[in-house]
Amino acid sequence: MTNVFEQPWLLLIIAGIAFVGVFIFRDILPRKGKWLFVAAPIFIAGLAIALDYFVQTDNEKVYSLIKNAVKAVEREDVNALSPLISEDYQDSWNRLKGELLWHCRQRLSEPIIEKNVMRIVSLKVQGDAASAVFTVRVVFDQGGTIYDLVQMMLFKFEANFRKQGDDWFLTSAELLEIDMRPADWSNITSIDVFN
């Protein structure tokens, strides 16, 4: 079943059908309520667009969180990344949110990333928990030390999220692959990742 808050297409199709119905009805009764019947499909189409724009579903919130985190890393802005992470964050390499942020500050202290291109592979929201698998193609900065070794890499991650109130937070993230080869966080800490 389609969710009208995520996809406006159902209401737009209904608006199109209503618009066709208006023309048929206007042929049968040409003098009755011309403006009312034309306004109904326009109202339905406007409602569809407004619902899609103003109402953000949990799927859209989690997608937005991932997108904001990837952009924060691209800008090398750990301060923008910090509010997106849960206080009880834990992964296979970092046991605390503070450890993750410390590692981020160490890695992102010099120009390293020019551009990140994200693609969601899967996104599942179940109640107050969500999980996602996504890839990030990283184009390295020409001024950075890594650029001499490699110009671009593809990373695949699996992340978990939890809803607290109306907001979603990252609770864990695991590195699954680097350039389609199995990897984990320990590969990021060594220079082997770039050879």
Protein backbone atom coordinates (compact mmCIF):
# COMPACT_ATOMS: atom_id res chain seq x y z
CA MET A 1 0.00 0.00 0.00
CA THR A 2 1.33 3.43 -0.91
CA ASN A 3 1.82 6.09 1.74
CA VAL A 4 0.37 9.44 0.58
CA PHE A 5 2.79 11.26 2.89
CA GLU A 6 5.81 9.79 1.08
CA GLN A 7 4.52 9.63 -2.47
CA PRO A 8 2.06 12.21 -3.82
CA TRP A 9 1.35 10.13 -6.92
CA LEU A 10 -1.82 8.45 -5.64
CA LEU A 11 -3.52 11.77 -4.93
CA LEU A 12 -2.21 13.24 -8.18
CA ILE A 13 -3.73 10.31 -10.12
CA ILE A 14 -7.02 10.82 -8.26
CA ALA A 15 -6.84 14.52 -9.17
CA GLY A 16 -6.28 13.58 -12.83
CA ILE A 17 -9.26 11.21 -12.78
CA ALA A 18 -11.38 13.91 -11.09
CA PHE A 19 -10.31 16.40 -13.76
CA VAL A 20 -11.42 13.99 -16.53
CA GLY A 21 -14.68 13.48 -14.61
CA VAL A 22 -15.20 17.26 -14.54
CA PHE A 23 -15.00 17.47 -18.32
CA ILE A 24 -17.46 14.60 -18.70
CA PHE A 25 -19.85 16.16 -16.17
CA ARG A 26 -19.53 19.60 -17.82
CA ASP A 27 -20.62 18.05 -21.13
CA ILE A 28 -23.71 16.57 -19.47
CA LEU A 29 -24.62 19.66 -17.39
CA PRO A 30 -22.76 22.59 -18.97
CA ARG A 31 -24.35 25.35 -16.83
CA LYS A 32 -24.11 23.87 -13.33
CA GLY A 33 -21.21 24.73 -10.97
CA LYS A 34 -18.43 25.23 -13.51
CA TRP A 35 -15.89 26.71 -11.10
CA LEU A 36 -16.65 24.22 -8.30
CA PHE A 37 -15.93 21.18 -10.44
CA VAL A 38 -12.70 22.64 -11.81
CA ALA A 39 -11.58 23.66 -8.32
CA ALA A 40 -11.98 20.14 -6.87
CA PRO A 41 -9.19 18.47 -8.91
CA ILE A 42 -6.92 21.49 -8.40
CA PHE A 43 -7.56 21.25 -4.65
CA ILE A 44 -6.76 17.50 -4.63
CA ALA A 45 -3.51 18.07 -6.58
CA GLY A 46 -2.53 20.91 -4.24
CA LEU A 47 -3.28 18.70 -1.23
CA ALA A 48 -1.06 15.94 -2.64
CA ILE A 49 1.87 18.28 -3.13
CA ALA A 50 1.36 19.93 0.29
CA LEU A 51 1.21 16.58 2.10
CA ASP A 52 4.41 15.42 0.41
CA TYR A 53 6.20 18.69 1.15
CA PHE A 54 5.06 19.49 4.70
CA VAL A 55 4.63 16.04 6.31
CA GLN A 56 7.92 14.19 6.81
CA THR A 57 7.59 10.45 7.47
CA ASP A 58 10.01 8.37 9.51
CA ASN A 59 11.57 7.00 6.31
CA GLU A 60 12.20 10.53 5.10
CA LYS A 61 13.60 11.58 8.49
CA VAL A 62 16.08 8.68 8.57
CA TYR A 63 17.07 9.34 4.94
CA SER A 64 17.60 13.00 5.79
CA LEU A 65 19.72 12.03 8.83
CA ILE A 66 21.98 9.84 6.66
CA LYS A 67 22.24 12.57 4.04
CA ASN A 68 23.13 15.20 6.67
CA ALA A 69 25.77 12.93 8.23
CA VAL A 70 27.38 12.24 4.84
CA LYS A 71 27.37 15.98 4.05
CA ALA A 72 28.90 16.80 7.46
CA VAL A 73 31.74 14.36 6.77
CA GLU A 74 32.16 15.86 3.28
CA ARG A 75 32.50 19.32 4.83
CA GLU A 76 34.79 17.81 7.48
CA ASP A 77 32.54 19.38 10.11
CA VAL A 78 32.52 17.18 13.22
CA ASN A 79 30.40 19.77 15.08
CA ALA A 80 27.59 19.27 12.54
CA LEU A 81 27.94 15.49 12.83
CA SER A 82 27.76 15.37 16.64
CA PRO A 83 24.02 16.22 17.11
CA LEU A 84 23.05 13.42 14.69
CA ILE A 85 24.63 10.73 16.86
CA SER A 86 22.93 9.11 19.85
CA GLU A 87 24.56 9.52 23.25
CA ASP A 88 24.70 5.72 23.59
CA TYR A 89 26.34 5.21 20.18
CA GLN A 90 28.47 2.07 19.93
CA ASP A 91 30.06 0.16 17.05
CA SER A 92 32.70 -2.54 16.68
CA TRP A 93 35.52 0.04 16.84
CA ASN A 94 34.12 2.83 19.05
CA ARG A 95 32.48 2.10 22.37
CA LEU A 96 31.28 5.65 22.99
CA LYS A 97 30.04 8.60 20.98
CA GLY A 98 33.07 10.57 22.22
CA GLU A 99 35.48 7.99 20.79
CA LEU A 100 33.79 8.17 17.39
CA LEU A 101 33.93 11.97 17.38
CA TRP A 102 37.60 11.88 18.45
CA HIS A 103 38.42 9.54 15.54
CA CYS A 104 36.47 11.80 13.18
CA ARG A 105 38.39 14.86 14.38
CA GLN A 106 41.69 13.02 13.85
CA ARG A 107 40.80 11.87 10.31
CA LEU A 108 39.08 15.08 9.23
CA SER A 109 41.64 17.51 10.64
CA GLU A 110 43.25 18.06 7.22
CA PRO A 111 41.64 18.45 3.80
CA ILE A 112 40.74 14.93 2.77
CA ILE A 113 37.32 14.82 1.07
CA GLU A 114 36.26 16.87 -1.91
CA LYS A 115 32.87 15.25 -2.49
CA ASN A 116 30.66 12.43 -1.19
CA VAL A 117 27.98 10.80 -3.32
CA MET A 118 25.50 8.74 -1.30
CA ARG A 119 23.11 6.01 -2.47
CA ILE A 120 20.69 4.14 -0.20
CA VAL A 121 20.72 0.39 -0.83
CA SER A 122 18.00 -0.46 1.70
CA LEU A 123 16.13 1.38 4.43
CA LYS A 124 13.81 -0.32 6.93
CA VAL A 125 11.86 1.47 9.65
CA GLN A 126 10.07 -0.63 12.27
CA GLY A 127 8.51 1.35 15.08
CA ASP A 128 11.18 3.37 16.88
CA ALA A 129 14.10 1.50 15.25
CA ALA A 130 15.51 1.70 11.75
CA SER A 131 18.37 0.20 9.79
CA ALA A 132 19.92 1.19 6.51
CA VAL A 133 22.57 -0.05 4.13
CA PHE A 134 24.07 2.67 1.98
CA THR A 135 27.09 3.40 -0.17
CA VAL A 136 29.21 6.53 -0.31
CA ARG A 137 31.51 7.25 -3.22
CA VAL A 138 34.25 9.47 -1.83
CA VAL A 139 36.20 11.75 -4.15
CA PHE A 140 39.35 12.79 -2.33
CA ASP A 141 40.63 16.36 -2.14
CA GLN A 142 43.53 17.12 -4.49
CA GLY A 143 45.27 19.02 -1.70
CA GLY A 144 45.16 16.08 0.70
CA THR A 145 47.82 13.45 1.29
CA ILE A 146 45.53 10.58 0.28
CA TYR A 147 44.95 11.96 -3.23
CA ASP A 148 48.46 10.92 -4.28
CA LEU A 149 47.58 7.30 -3.41
CA VAL A 150 43.96 7.12 -4.56
CA GLN A 151 41.52 9.65 -6.04
CA MET A 152 38.21 7.92 -5.33
CA MET A 153 36.83 5.04 -3.26
CA LEU A 154 33.47 3.36 -2.71
CA PHE A 155 32.46 2.62 0.89
CA LYS A 156 29.45 0.54 1.96
CA PHE A 157 27.96 0.98 5.45
CA GLU A 158 25.25 -0.53 7.59
CA ALA A 159 23.75 1.82 10.17
CA ASN A 160 21.14 1.56 12.90
CA PHE A 161 18.95 4.37 14.20
CA ARG A 162 16.59 4.97 17.09
CA LYS A 163 13.76 7.43 17.45
CA GLN A 164 13.76 9.60 20.55
CA GLY A 165 10.70 11.83 20.66
CA ASP A 166 10.21 13.08 17.11
CA ASP A 167 13.90 12.93 16.19
CA TRP A 168 16.05 10.08 14.90
CA PHE A 169 19.63 9.45 15.99
CA LEU A 170 22.43 7.22 14.72
CA THR A 171 23.09 4.43 17.26
CA SER A 172 25.69 2.41 15.35
CA ALA A 173 27.43 2.28 12.00
CA GLU A 174 29.56 -0.50 10.59
CA LEU A 175 31.81 -0.41 7.55
CA LEU A 176 30.97 -3.39 5.32
CA GLU A 177 33.02 -2.89 2.16
CA ILE A 178 35.69 -0.73 0.57
CA ASP A 179 35.70 -0.82 -3.24
CA MET A 180 33.44 -3.91 -3.10
CA ARG A 181 35.87 -5.85 -0.88
CA PRO A 182 34.89 -6.87 2.67
CA ALA A 183 36.21 -4.40 5.25
CA ASP A 184 35.64 -3.10 8.75
CA TRP A 185 36.59 -0.02 10.80
CA SER A 186 40.11 -1.32 11.42
CA ASN A 187 40.80 -0.91 7.68
CA ILE A 188 40.20 2.84 7.97
CA THR A 189 42.82 3.18 10.66
CA SER A 190 45.55 1.61 8.54
CA ILE A 191 47.17 2.80 5.35
CA ASP A 192 46.37 -0.58 3.75
CA VAL A 193 42.98 0.75 2.70
CA PHE A 194 44.65 2.99 0.14
CA ASN A 195 46.88 0.35 -1.49
